[in-house]
Amino acid sequence: MIVEDPRAALEKLNAIASRRVFVSFPVGDGPFDRRLFEALGRQLSRRADYIFAYNILHQMGILANVAFLATNRGKVYTSEIAAYESLLWMFPDVSASEKAKLQDFVSQHLIRHGSTLRFDYDRTVRWAVMFWDVMTTI
């Protein structure tokens, strides 16, 4: 979950669930690539990650279970354009000058990997999966 109001979202999920709730929250930067933000001259603001959500659940009297998942973001692309377009979701309000910086970043960091392209660095994205039975409260 990457939402504006984690408390409201968690309260709503807990209220409408009939038996059990499963949610996932990013750990640290989550799916956002800090290198891209730096290349565009932007600050990657810390969003509420799993520990913030877990504390909300604790305040709500919920004893949530937590498991962690890690994925390596070694994604491959068919073209430089495909790589560029796959990154735009991180910047919904990207300006023309930032688009140019993003294109430069992609050009500088894409390397050939067989018949495909990939970035010259690996990135691990971590998620915390939290789950609880709606009747399990403190």
Protein backbone atom coordinates (compact mmCIF):
# COMPACT_ATOMS: atom_id res chain seq x y z
CA MET A 1 0.00 0.00 0.00
CA ILE A 2 1.26 3.39 -0.95
CA VAL A 3 -1.54 5.69 0.17
CA GLU A 4 -1.90 9.24 1.44
CA ASP A 5 -3.59 8.20 4.70
CA PRO A 6 -2.38 4.78 5.91
CA ARG A 7 -4.43 4.96 9.11
CA ALA A 8 -7.71 5.50 7.27
CA ALA A 9 -6.88 2.72 4.80
CA LEU A 10 -5.98 0.25 7.54
CA GLU A 11 -9.06 1.12 9.59
CA LYS A 12 -11.28 0.65 6.54
CA LEU A 13 -9.72 -2.69 5.61
CA ASN A 14 -10.03 -3.95 9.16
CA ALA A 15 -13.67 -2.83 9.36
CA ILE A 16 -14.80 -4.49 6.12
CA ALA A 17 -12.78 -7.71 6.34
CA SER A 18 -14.78 -10.74 7.36
CA ARG A 19 -11.90 -12.88 8.57
CA ARG A 20 -8.34 -11.80 7.75
CA VAL A 21 -6.50 -8.82 6.28
CA PHE A 22 -3.32 -8.95 4.18
CA VAL A 23 -1.49 -5.77 3.24
CA SER A 24 1.98 -4.97 2.01
CA PHE A 25 3.96 -1.82 2.62
CA PRO A 26 7.31 -0.77 1.20
CA VAL A 27 10.44 -1.08 3.29
CA GLY A 28 12.65 1.99 2.94
CA ASP A 29 12.48 3.42 -0.60
CA GLY A 30 10.29 0.54 -1.77
CA PRO A 31 9.82 0.54 -5.54
CA PHE A 32 11.25 4.04 -5.98
CA ASP A 33 14.79 4.27 -7.35
CA ARG A 34 16.75 6.87 -5.41
CA ARG A 35 19.34 7.13 -8.23
CA LEU A 36 16.67 8.37 -10.62
CA PHE A 37 15.49 11.05 -8.22
CA GLU A 38 19.07 12.24 -7.73
CA ALA A 39 19.64 12.29 -11.51
CA LEU A 40 16.62 14.57 -11.90
CA GLY A 41 17.76 16.79 -9.01
CA ARG A 42 14.81 15.75 -6.88
CA GLN A 43 14.65 14.70 -3.28
CA LEU A 44 13.07 11.30 -2.69
CA SER A 45 10.81 12.04 0.23
CA ARG A 46 10.49 9.34 2.83
CA ARG A 47 7.07 7.86 2.61
CA ALA A 48 5.39 5.97 5.40
CA ASP A 49 6.96 2.56 5.26
CA TYR A 50 5.99 -0.64 7.03
CA ILE A 51 7.13 0.39 10.51
CA PHE A 52 4.82 3.40 10.43
CA ALA A 53 1.93 1.16 9.38
CA TYR A 54 2.82 -1.45 11.99
CA ASN A 55 2.76 1.22 14.70
CA ILE A 56 -0.69 2.33 13.53
CA LEU A 57 -1.90 -1.26 13.74
CA HIS A 58 -0.44 -1.55 17.24
CA GLN A 59 -2.24 1.65 18.28
CA MET A 60 -5.44 0.10 16.89
CA GLY A 61 -4.88 -2.89 19.16
CA ILE A 62 -3.95 -5.23 16.29
CA LEU A 63 -1.18 -7.77 16.65
CA ALA A 64 -0.10 -8.12 13.04
CA ASN A 65 2.23 -10.76 11.70
CA VAL A 66 5.02 -9.48 9.48
CA ALA A 67 6.94 -11.24 6.72
CA PHE A 68 9.46 -9.65 4.39
CA LEU A 69 9.82 -10.14 0.66
CA ALA A 70 12.77 -9.00 -1.39
CA THR A 71 12.86 -8.74 -5.15
CA ASN A 72 15.88 -7.98 -7.26
CA ARG A 73 15.00 -5.35 -9.83
CA GLY A 74 17.24 -6.64 -12.61
CA LYS A 75 14.57 -6.01 -15.22
CA VAL A 76 15.43 -6.29 -18.90
CA TYR A 77 14.18 -4.09 -21.74
CA THR A 78 13.81 -4.43 -25.47
CA SER A 79 14.90 -0.84 -26.17
CA GLU A 80 16.11 2.35 -24.58
CA ILE A 81 12.66 3.86 -25.12
CA ALA A 82 11.01 0.95 -23.31
CA ALA A 83 13.36 1.43 -20.35
CA TYR A 84 12.70 5.18 -20.26
CA GLU A 85 8.92 4.73 -20.43
CA SER A 86 8.99 2.11 -17.66
CA LEU A 87 10.40 4.73 -15.26
CA LEU A 88 7.98 7.57 -15.89
CA TRP A 89 5.43 6.30 -13.33
CA MET A 90 7.75 7.56 -10.57
CA PHE A 91 7.42 11.13 -11.86
CA PRO A 92 3.79 11.96 -12.72
CA ASP A 93 4.59 15.67 -12.96
CA VAL A 94 7.87 15.41 -14.87
CA SER A 95 8.99 18.55 -16.68
CA ALA A 96 10.60 18.72 -20.12
CA SER A 97 14.07 19.34 -18.63
CA GLU A 98 13.61 16.41 -16.22
CA LYS A 99 12.58 14.18 -19.14
CA ALA A 100 15.88 15.05 -20.80
CA LYS A 101 17.78 14.21 -17.60
CA LEU A 102 15.92 10.92 -17.32
CA GLN A 103 16.75 10.07 -20.94
CA ASP A 104 20.42 10.89 -20.25
CA PHE A 105 20.37 8.65 -17.17
CA VAL A 106 18.89 5.78 -19.16
CA SER A 107 21.45 6.23 -21.95
CA GLN A 108 24.34 6.29 -19.47
CA HIS A 109 23.25 3.29 -17.41
CA LEU A 110 21.77 0.82 -19.90
CA ILE A 111 24.05 -2.02 -20.93
CA ARG A 112 23.61 -4.84 -23.41
CA HIS A 113 22.55 -8.15 -21.82
CA GLY A 114 22.33 -10.73 -24.57
CA SER A 115 19.63 -9.55 -26.95
CA THR A 116 18.14 -7.21 -24.34
CA LEU A 117 19.18 -4.19 -22.28
CA ARG A 118 19.41 -3.81 -18.52
CA PHE A 119 20.69 -1.20 -16.10
CA ASP A 120 24.30 -1.44 -14.97
CA TYR A 121 23.25 -1.76 -11.33
CA ASP A 122 20.97 -4.07 -9.41
CA ARG A 123 18.38 -2.83 -6.99
CA THR A 124 16.66 -4.84 -4.28
CA VAL A 125 13.12 -3.78 -3.44
CA ARG A 126 11.79 -4.92 -0.08
CA TRP A 127 8.18 -5.23 1.00
CA ALA A 128 6.67 -6.07 4.37
CA VAL A 129 3.58 -8.22 4.21
CA MET A 130 1.41 -7.76 7.28
CA PHE A 131 -1.58 -9.89 8.09
CA TRP A 132 -3.95 -10.40 10.96
CA ASP A 133 -7.24 -11.97 11.87
CA VAL A 134 -9.81 -9.26 12.44
CA MET A 135 -10.62 -10.71 15.87
CA THR A 136 -6.94 -10.68 16.99
CA THR A 137 -6.61 -7.50 18.99
CA ILE A 138 -4.81 -6.59 22.20
